[in-house]
């Protein structure tokens, strides 16, 4: 992601995640601290995330990691995991 307001890769949009009404999305920093969390059943539809802390401050350039559970009630749907890289 390059959240520098140029209109290219400024947000992280997870296409199709709103088709899962109980999805949970977590983003962690390299120390394992949760820096972003969204639950579609509690927070409503997921909106593209602009790489900010919950207070709106921009995250520093770094590697981050995500964990997405699409359906916690269906063991046949594996969690999605991976890395996000933020650069400016």
PDB file of N, CA and C in Angstrom:
ATOM      1  N   UNK A   1       0.844  -1.174   0.000  1.00  0.00           N
ATOM      2  CA  UNK A   1       0.000   0.000   0.000  1.00  0.00           C
ATOM      3  C   UNK A   1       0.884   1.230   0.000  1.00  0.00           C
ATOM      4  N   UNK A   2       0.400   2.245  -0.667  1.00  0.00           N
ATOM      5  CA  UNK A   2       1.088   3.530  -0.665  1.00  0.00           C
ATOM      6  C   UNK A   2       0.059   4.617  -0.338  1.00  0.00           C
ATOM      7  N   UNK A   3      -0.324   4.738   0.930  1.00  0.00           N
ATOM      8  CA  UNK A   3      -1.377   5.684   1.308  1.00  0.00           C
ATOM      9  C   UNK A   3      -0.901   7.141   1.311  1.00  0.00           C
ATOM     10  N   UNK A   4      -0.583   7.641   0.123  1.00  0.00           N
ATOM     11  CA  UNK A   4      -0.062   9.004   0.005  1.00  0.00           C
ATOM     12  C   UNK A   4      -1.029   9.941  -0.713  1.00  0.00           C
ATOM     13  N   UNK A   5      -2.302   9.525  -0.819  1.00  0.00           N
ATOM     14  CA  UNK A   5      -3.382  10.350  -1.386  1.00  0.00           C
ATOM     15  C   UNK A   5      -3.213  10.643  -2.875  1.00  0.00           C
ATOM     16  N   UNK A   6      -2.508   9.757  -3.600  1.00  0.00           N
ATOM     17  CA  UNK A   6      -2.402   9.950  -5.045  1.00  0.00           C
ATOM     18  C   UNK A   6      -3.477   9.181  -5.805  1.00  0.00           C
ATOM     19  N   UNK A   7      -4.340   8.462  -5.077  1.00  0.00           N
ATOM     20  CA  UNK A   7      -5.413   7.711  -5.695  1.00  0.00           C
ATOM     21  C   UNK A   7      -5.032   6.322  -6.185  1.00  0.00           C
ATOM     22  N   UNK A   8      -3.789   5.917  -5.963  1.00  0.00           N
ATOM     23  CA  UNK A   8      -3.312   4.610  -6.397  1.00  0.00           C
ATOM     24  C   UNK A   8      -2.844   3.827  -5.170  1.00  0.00           C
ATOM     25  N   UNK A   9      -3.484   2.708  -4.900  1.00  0.00           N
ATOM     26  CA  UNK A   9      -3.129   1.835  -3.764  1.00  0.00           C
ATOM     27  C   UNK A   9      -3.146   2.559  -2.426  1.00  0.00           C
ATOM     28  N   UNK A  10      -4.045   3.520  -2.270  1.00  0.00           N
ATOM     29  CA  UNK A  10      -4.128   4.283  -1.019  1.00  0.00           C
ATOM     30  C   UNK A  10      -4.852   3.536   0.092  1.00  0.00           C
ATOM     31  N   UNK A  11      -5.700   2.570  -0.279  1.00  0.00           N
ATOM     32  CA  UNK A  11      -6.467   1.825   0.719  1.00  0.00           C
ATOM     33  C   UNK A  11      -6.374   0.329   0.431  1.00  0.00           C
ATOM     34  N   UNK A  12      -6.714  -0.435   1.454  1.00  0.00           N
ATOM     35  CA  UNK A  12      -6.779  -1.887   1.327  1.00  0.00           C
ATOM     36  C   UNK A  12      -8.243  -2.275   1.273  1.00  0.00           C
ATOM     37  N   UNK A  13      -8.684  -2.754   0.137  1.00  0.00           N
ATOM     38  CA  UNK A  13     -10.068  -3.178  -0.045  1.00  0.00           C
ATOM     39  C   UNK A  13     -10.064  -4.689  -0.220  1.00  0.00           C
ATOM     40  N   UNK A  14     -10.828  -5.381   0.603  1.00  0.00           N
ATOM     41  CA  UNK A  14     -10.883  -6.834   0.557  1.00  0.00           C
ATOM     42  C   UNK A  14     -12.163  -7.218  -0.175  1.00  0.00           C
ATOM     43  N   UNK A  15     -12.041  -7.448  -1.457  1.00  0.00           N
ATOM     44  CA  UNK A  15     -13.202  -7.738  -2.284  1.00  0.00           C
ATOM     45  C   UNK A  15     -13.888  -9.019  -1.822  1.00  0.00           C
ATOM     46  N   UNK A  16     -15.201  -8.963  -1.690  1.00  0.00           N
ATOM     47  CA  UNK A  16     -15.994 -10.127  -1.329  1.00  0.00           C
ATOM     48  C   UNK A  16     -16.133 -10.389   0.153  1.00  0.00           C
ATOM     49  N   UNK A  17     -15.383  -9.710   0.994  1.00  0.00           N
ATOM     50  CA  UNK A  17     -15.444 -10.002   2.429  1.00  0.00           C
ATOM     51  C   UNK A  17     -16.818  -9.685   3.015  1.00  0.00           C
ATOM     52  N   UNK A  18     -17.518  -8.735   2.422  1.00  0.00           N
ATOM     53  CA  UNK A  18     -18.848  -8.395   2.945  1.00  0.00           C
ATOM     54  C   UNK A  18     -19.893  -9.465   2.637  1.00  0.00           C
ATOM     55  N   UNK A  19     -19.519 -10.481   1.854  1.00  0.00           N
ATOM     56  CA  UNK A  19     -20.400 -11.623   1.635  1.00  0.00           C
ATOM     57  C   UNK A  19     -20.393 -12.574   2.837  1.00  0.00           C
ATOM     58  N   UNK A  20     -19.515 -12.324   3.794  1.00  0.00           N
ATOM     59  CA  UNK A  20     -19.391 -13.142   4.999  1.00  0.00           C
ATOM     60  C   UNK A  20     -19.809 -12.288   6.204  1.00  0.00           C
ATOM     61  N   UNK A  21     -21.035 -12.453   6.684  1.00  0.00           N
ATOM     62  CA  UNK A  21     -21.557 -11.573   7.734  1.00  0.00           C
ATOM     63  C   UNK A  21     -20.872 -11.704   9.090  1.00  0.00           C
ATOM     64  N   UNK A  22     -20.040 -12.733   9.282  1.00  0.00           N
ATOM     65  CA  UNK A  22     -19.339 -12.897  10.560  1.00  0.00           C
ATOM     66  C   UNK A  22     -17.828 -12.791  10.414  1.00  0.00           C
ATOM     67  N   UNK A  23     -17.364 -12.189   9.331  1.00  0.00           N
ATOM     68  CA  UNK A  23     -15.925 -12.100   9.075  1.00  0.00           C
ATOM     69  C   UNK A  23     -15.233 -11.206  10.101  1.00  0.00           C
ATOM     70  N   UNK A  24     -14.019 -11.609  10.448  1.00  0.00           N
ATOM     71  CA  UNK A  24     -13.171 -10.823  11.339  1.00  0.00           C
ATOM     72  C   UNK A  24     -11.850 -10.573  10.632  1.00  0.00           C
ATOM     73  N   UNK A  25     -11.421  -9.314  10.628  1.00  0.00           N
ATOM     74  CA  UNK A  25     -10.175  -8.912   9.981  1.00  0.00           C
ATOM     75  C   UNK A  25      -9.287  -8.280  11.049  1.00  0.00           C
ATOM     76  N   UNK A  26      -8.056  -8.752  11.138  1.00  0.00           N
ATOM     77  CA  UNK A  26      -7.091  -8.184  12.074  1.00  0.00           C
ATOM     78  C   UNK A  26      -5.797  -7.902  11.324  1.00  0.00           C
ATOM     79  N   UNK A  27      -5.191  -6.760  11.651  1.00  0.00           N
ATOM     80  CA  UNK A  27      -3.879  -6.405  11.114  1.00  0.00           C
ATOM     81  C   UNK A  27      -2.954  -6.208  12.310  1.00  0.00           C
ATOM     82  N   UNK A  28      -1.785  -6.826  12.230  1.00  0.00           N
ATOM     83  CA  UNK A  28      -0.808  -6.801  13.318  1.00  0.00           C
ATOM     84  C   UNK A  28       0.471  -6.107  12.869  1.00  0.00           C
ATOM     85  N   UNK A  29       1.155  -5.470  13.818  1.00  0.00           N
ATOM     86  CA  UNK A  29       2.490  -4.954  13.513  1.00  0.00           C
ATOM     87  C   UNK A  29       3.502  -6.070  13.734  1.00  0.00           C
ATOM     88  N   UNK A  30       4.749  -5.786  13.513  1.00  0.00           N
ATOM     89  CA  UNK A  30       5.781  -6.817  13.591  1.00  0.00           C
ATOM     90  C   UNK A  30       5.966  -7.357  15.005  1.00  0.00           C
ATOM     91  N   UNK A  31       5.535  -6.600  16.021  1.00  0.00           N
ATOM     92  CA  UNK A  31       5.604  -7.063  17.407  1.00  0.00           C
ATOM     93  C   UNK A  31       4.385  -7.908  17.788  1.00  0.00           C
ATOM     94  N   UNK A  32       3.440  -8.074  16.873  1.00  0.00           N
ATOM     95  CA  UNK A  32       2.262  -8.877  17.147  1.00  0.00           C
ATOM     96  C   UNK A  32       1.096  -8.120  17.765  1.00  0.00           C
ATOM     97  N   UNK A  33       1.209  -6.805  17.870  1.00  0.00           N
ATOM     98  CA  UNK A  33       0.118  -5.994  18.422  1.00  0.00           C
ATOM     99  C   UNK A  33      -0.930  -5.757  17.341  1.00  0.00           C
ATOM    100  N   UNK A  34      -2.199  -5.858  17.716  1.00  0.00           N
ATOM    101  CA  UNK A  34      -3.279  -5.582  16.774  1.00  0.00           C
ATOM    102  C   UNK A  34      -3.346  -4.068  16.562  1.00  0.00           C
ATOM    103  N   UNK A  35      -3.228  -3.653  15.318  1.00  0.00           N
ATOM    104  CA  UNK A  35      -3.308  -2.218  15.027  1.00  0.00           C
ATOM    105  C   UNK A  35      -4.595  -1.853  14.303  1.00  0.00           C
ATOM    106  N   UNK A  36      -5.297  -2.884  13.802  1.00  0.00           N
ATOM    107  CA  UNK A  36      -6.589  -2.661  13.157  1.00  0.00           C
ATOM    108  C   UNK A  36      -7.413  -3.925  13.322  1.00  0.00           C
ATOM    109  N   UNK A  37      -8.693  -3.739  13.646  1.00  0.00           N
ATOM    110  CA  UNK A  37      -9.590  -4.884  13.769  1.00  0.00           C
ATOM    111  C   UNK A  37     -10.976  -4.483  13.285  1.00  0.00           C
ATOM    112  N   UNK A  38     -11.599  -5.374  12.543  1.00  0.00           N
ATOM    113  CA  UNK A  38     -12.959  -5.133  12.046  1.00  0.00           C
ATOM    114  C   UNK A  38     -13.722  -6.447  12.089  1.00  0.00           C
ATOM    115  N   UNK A  39     -14.949  -6.396  12.597  1.00  0.00           N
ATOM    116  CA  UNK A  39     -15.830  -7.553  12.610  1.00  0.00           C
ATOM    117  C   UNK A  39     -17.117  -7.152  11.915  1.00  0.00           C
ATOM    118  N   UNK A  40     -17.438  -7.815  10.807  1.00  0.00           N
ATOM    119  CA  UNK A  40     -18.603  -7.400  10.028  1.00  0.00           C
ATOM    120  C   UNK A  40     -19.910  -7.549  10.795  1.00  0.00           C
ATOM    121  N   UNK A  41     -19.988  -8.512  11.720  1.00  0.00           N
ATOM    122  CA  UNK A  41     -21.243  -8.668  12.469  1.00  0.00           C
ATOM    123  C   UNK A  41     -21.433  -7.547  13.488  1.00  0.00           C
ATOM    124  N   UNK A  42     -20.358  -6.976  14.003  1.00  0.00           N
ATOM    125  CA  UNK A  42     -20.461  -5.886  14.981  1.00  0.00           C
ATOM    126  C   UNK A  42     -20.319  -4.500  14.357  1.00  0.00           C
ATOM    127  N   UNK A  43     -19.448  -4.393  13.343  1.00  0.00           N
ATOM    128  CA  UNK A  43     -19.076  -3.088  12.795  1.00  0.00           C
ATOM    129  C   UNK A  43     -19.730  -2.769  11.452  1.00  0.00           C
ATOM    130  N   UNK A  44     -20.513  -3.693  10.904  1.00  0.00           N
ATOM    131  CA  UNK A  44     -21.121  -3.467   9.594  1.00  0.00           C
ATOM    132  C   UNK A  44     -20.158  -3.797   8.475  1.00  0.00           C
ATOM    133  N   UNK A  45     -20.539  -3.438   7.273  1.00  0.00           N
ATOM    134  CA  UNK A  45     -19.720  -3.754   6.104  1.00  0.00           C
ATOM    135  C   UNK A  45     -18.314  -3.177   6.222  1.00  0.00           C
ATOM    136  N   UNK A  46     -17.363  -3.949   5.738  1.00  0.00           N
ATOM    137  CA  UNK A  46     -15.976  -3.505   5.700  1.00  0.00           C
ATOM    138  C   UNK A  46     -15.818  -2.414   4.645  1.00  0.00           C
ATOM    139  N   UNK A  47     -15.205  -1.334   5.028  1.00  0.00           N
ATOM    140  CA  UNK A  47     -14.890  -0.244   4.102  1.00  0.00           C
ATOM    141  C   UNK A  47     -13.388  -0.265   3.841  1.00  0.00           C
ATOM    142  N   UNK A  48     -12.944   0.118   2.659  1.00  0.00           N
ATOM    143  CA  UNK A  48     -11.501   0.118   2.385  1.00  0.00           C
ATOM    144  C   UNK A  48     -10.725   0.821   3.502  1.00  0.00           C
ATOM    145  N   UNK A  49      -9.679   0.151   3.964  1.00  0.00           N
ATOM    146  CA  UNK A  49      -8.896   0.635   5.105  1.00  0.00           C
ATOM    147  C   UNK A  49      -7.748   1.516   4.609  1.00  0.00           C
ATOM    148  N   UNK A  50      -7.611   2.739   5.149  1.00  0.00           N
ATOM    149  CA  UNK A  50      -6.594   3.673   4.658  1.00  0.00           C
ATOM    150  C   UNK A  50      -5.238   3.576   5.367  1.00  0.00           C
ATOM    151  N   UNK A  51      -4.942   2.454   6.006  1.00  0.00           N
ATOM    152  CA  UNK A  51      -3.651   2.249   6.687  1.00  0.00           C
ATOM    153  C   UNK A  51      -3.420   3.263   7.796  1.00  0.00           C
ATOM    154  N   UNK A  52      -4.416   3.361   8.671  1.00  0.00           N
ATOM    155  CA  UNK A  52      -4.314   4.269   9.808  1.00  0.00           C
ATOM    156  C   UNK A  52      -4.598   3.524  11.109  1.00  0.00           C
ATOM    157  N   UNK A  53      -4.095   4.098  12.191  1.00  0.00           N
ATOM    158  CA  UNK A  53      -4.485   3.635  13.520  1.00  0.00           C
ATOM    159  C   UNK A  53      -5.952   3.997  13.729  1.00  0.00           C
ATOM    160  N   UNK A  54      -6.564   3.493  14.796  1.00  0.00           N
ATOM    161  CA  UNK A  54      -7.977   3.771  15.058  1.00  0.00           C
ATOM    162  C   UNK A  54      -8.248   5.256  15.289  1.00  0.00           C
ATOM    163  N   UNK A  55      -7.225   6.016  15.687  1.00  0.00           N
ATOM    164  CA  UNK A  55      -7.411   7.457  15.901  1.00  0.00           C
ATOM    165  C   UNK A  55      -7.199   8.278  14.622  1.00  0.00           C
ATOM    166  N   UNK A  56      -6.953   7.606  13.492  1.00  0.00           N
ATOM    167  CA  UNK A  56      -6.797   8.298  12.220  1.00  0.00           C
ATOM    168  C   UNK A  56      -5.360   8.638  11.853  1.00  0.00           C
ATOM    169  N   UNK A  57      -4.424   8.418  12.765  1.00  0.00           N
ATOM    170  CA  UNK A  57      -3.013   8.692  12.465  1.00  0.00           C
ATOM    171  C   UNK A  57      -2.479   7.673  11.461  1.00  0.00           C
ATOM    172  N   UNK A  58      -1.684   8.137  10.533  1.00  0.00           N
ATOM    173  CA  UNK A  58      -1.103   7.257   9.515  1.00  0.00           C
ATOM    174  C   UNK A  58      -0.117   6.277  10.144  1.00  0.00           C
ATOM    175  N   UNK A  59      -0.148   5.054   9.668  1.00  0.00           N
ATOM    176  CA  UNK A  59       0.821   4.064  10.132  1.00  0.00           C
ATOM    177  C   UNK A  59       2.183   4.359   9.521  1.00  0.00           C
ATOM    178  N   UNK A  60       3.250   4.049  10.250  1.00  0.00           N
ATOM    179  CA  UNK A  60       4.576   4.222   9.661  1.00  0.00           C
ATOM    180  C   UNK A  60       4.827   3.169   8.578  1.00  0.00           C
ATOM    181  N   UNK A  61       5.696   3.494   7.655  1.00  0.00           N
ATOM    182  CA  UNK A  61       6.092   2.537   6.627  1.00  0.00           C
ATOM    183  C   UNK A  61       6.711   1.325   7.310  1.00  0.00           C
ATOM    184  N   UNK A  62       6.217   0.148   6.975  1.00  0.00           N
ATOM    185  CA  UNK A  62       6.708  -1.081   7.600  1.00  0.00           C
ATOM    186  C   UNK A  62       5.975  -2.271   7.001  1.00  0.00           C
ATOM    187  N   UNK A  63       6.335  -3.448   7.469  1.00  0.00           N
ATOM    188  CA  UNK A  63       5.606  -4.666   7.129  1.00  0.00           C
ATOM    189  C   UNK A  63       4.548  -4.894   8.201  1.00  0.00           C
ATOM    190  N   UNK A  64       3.368  -5.319   7.776  1.00  0.00           N
ATOM    191  CA  UNK A  64       2.261  -5.649   8.672  1.00  0.00           C
ATOM    192  C   UNK A  64       1.704  -6.990   8.229  1.00  0.00           C
ATOM    193  N   UNK A  65       0.951  -7.614   9.102  1.00  0.00           N
ATOM    194  CA  UNK A  65       0.442  -8.950   8.825  1.00  0.00           C
ATOM    195  C   UNK A  65      -1.050  -8.992   9.088  1.00  0.00           C
ATOM    196  N   UNK A  66      -1.783  -9.725   8.252  1.00  0.00           N
ATOM    197  CA  UNK A  66      -3.229  -9.793   8.427  1.00  0.00           C
ATOM    198  C   UNK A  66      -3.681 -11.231   8.664  1.00  0.00           C
ATOM    199  N   UNK A  67      -4.821 -11.325   9.336  1.00  0.00           N
ATOM    200  CA  UNK A  67      -5.480 -12.595   9.619  1.00  0.00           C
ATOM    201  C   UNK A  67      -6.968 -12.351   9.417  1.00  0.00           C
ATOM    202  N   UNK A  68      -7.553 -13.063   8.474  1.00  0.00           N
ATOM    203  CA  UNK A  68      -8.970 -12.889   8.155  1.00  0.00           C
ATOM    204  C   UNK A  68      -9.683 -14.224   8.375  1.00  0.00           C
ATOM    205  N   UNK A  69     -10.678 -14.202   9.248  1.00  0.00           N
ATOM    206  CA  UNK A  69     -11.538 -15.366   9.446  1.00  0.00           C
ATOM    207  C   UNK A  69     -12.864 -15.027   8.783  1.00  0.00           C
ATOM    208  N   UNK A  70     -13.155 -15.698   7.688  1.00  0.00           N
ATOM    209  CA  UNK A  70     -14.365 -15.390   6.941  1.00  0.00           C
ATOM    210  C   UNK A  70     -15.617 -15.905   7.638  1.00  0.00           C
ATOM    211  N   UNK A  71     -15.564 -17.117   8.171  1.00  0.00           N
ATOM    212  CA  UNK A  71     -16.735 -17.708   8.816  1.00  0.00           C
ATOM    213  C   UNK A  71     -16.285 -18.556  10.002  1.00  0.00           C
ATOM    214  N   UNK A  72     -16.332 -18.001  11.219  1.00  0.00           N
ATOM    215  CA  UNK A  72     -15.858 -18.742  12.387  1.00  0.00           C
ATOM    216  C   UNK A  72     -16.704 -19.984  12.694  1.00  0.00           C
ATOM    217  N   UNK A  73     -17.891 -20.076  12.113  1.00  0.00           N
ATOM    218  CA  UNK A  73     -18.772 -21.218  12.365  1.00  0.00           C
ATOM    219  C   UNK A  73     -18.598 -22.346  11.360  1.00  0.00           C
ATOM    220  N   UNK A  74     -17.738 -22.153  10.359  1.00  0.00           N
ATOM    221  CA  UNK A  74     -17.526 -23.155   9.316  1.00  0.00           C
ATOM    222  C   UNK A  74     -16.049 -23.539   9.293  1.00  0.00           C
ATOM    223  N   UNK A  75     -15.741 -24.695   9.824  1.00  0.00           N
ATOM    224  CA  UNK A  75     -14.346 -25.147   9.894  1.00  0.00           C
ATOM    225  C   UNK A  75     -13.776 -25.508   8.528  1.00  0.00           C
ATOM    226  N   UNK A  76     -14.613 -25.586   7.505  1.00  0.00           N
ATOM    227  CA  UNK A  76     -14.137 -25.891   6.154  1.00  0.00           C
ATOM    228  C   UNK A  76     -13.589 -24.661   5.429  1.00  0.00           C
ATOM    229  N   UNK A  77     -13.785 -23.482   6.011  1.00  0.00           N
ATOM    230  CA  UNK A  77     -13.279 -22.246   5.417  1.00  0.00           C
ATOM    231  C   UNK A  77     -12.030 -21.836   6.196  1.00  0.00           C
ATOM    232  N   UNK A  78     -10.881 -21.999   5.572  1.00  0.00           N
ATOM    233  CA  UNK A  78      -9.606 -21.689   6.246  1.00  0.00           C
ATOM    234  C   UNK A  78      -9.403 -20.193   6.384  1.00  0.00           C
ATOM    235  N   UNK A  79      -8.735 -19.762   7.478  1.00  0.00           N
ATOM    236  CA  UNK A  79      -8.390 -18.346   7.613  1.00  0.00           C
ATOM    237  C   UNK A  79      -7.437 -17.915   6.502  1.00  0.00           C
ATOM    238  N   UNK A  80      -7.509 -16.649   6.148  1.00  0.00           N
ATOM    239  CA  UNK A  80      -6.603 -16.064   5.162  1.00  0.00           C
ATOM    240  C   UNK A  80      -5.540 -15.280   5.931  1.00  0.00           C
ATOM    241  N   UNK A  81      -4.289 -15.479   5.603  1.00  0.00           N
ATOM    242  CA  UNK A  81      -3.200 -14.768   6.261  1.00  0.00           C
ATOM    243  C   UNK A  81      -2.221 -14.276   5.216  1.00  0.00           C
ATOM    244  N   UNK A  82      -1.480 -13.254   5.582  1.00  0.00           N
ATOM    245  CA  UNK A  82      -0.481 -12.739   4.660  1.00  0.00           C
ATOM    246  C   UNK A  82       0.138 -11.466   5.181  1.00  0.00           C
ATOM    247  N   UNK A  83       0.867 -10.810   4.323  1.00  0.00           N
ATOM    248  CA  UNK A  83       1.590  -9.596   4.699  1.00  0.00           C
ATOM    249  C   UNK A  83       1.077  -8.405   3.892  1.00  0.00           C
ATOM    250  N   UNK A  84       1.141  -7.250   4.530  1.00  0.00           N
ATOM    251  CA  UNK A  84       0.887  -5.964   3.879  1.00  0.00           C
ATOM    252  C   UNK A  84       2.157  -5.138   4.052  1.00  0.00           C
ATOM    253  N   UNK A  85       2.566  -4.483   3.020  1.00  0.00           N
ATOM    254  CA  UNK A  85       3.732  -3.612   3.109  1.00  0.00           C
ATOM    255  C   UNK A  85       3.248  -2.196   2.847  1.00  0.00           C
ATOM    256  N   UNK A  86       3.543  -1.303   3.773  1.00  0.00           N
ATOM    257  CA  UNK A  86       3.171   0.098   3.623  1.00  0.00           C
ATOM    258  C   UNK A  86       4.421   0.905   3.348  1.00  0.00           C
ATOM    259  N   UNK A  87       4.405   1.630   2.240  1.00  0.00           N
ATOM    260  CA  UNK A  87       5.501   2.519   1.877  1.00  0.00           C
ATOM    261  C   UNK A  87       4.939   3.879   1.505  1.00  0.00           C
ATOM    262  N   UNK A  88       5.766   4.893   1.615  1.00  0.00           N
ATOM    263  CA  UNK A  88       5.346   6.251   1.254  1.00  0.00           C
ATOM    264  C   UNK A  88       6.287   6.796   0.202  1.00  0.00           C
TER     265      UNK A  88
END
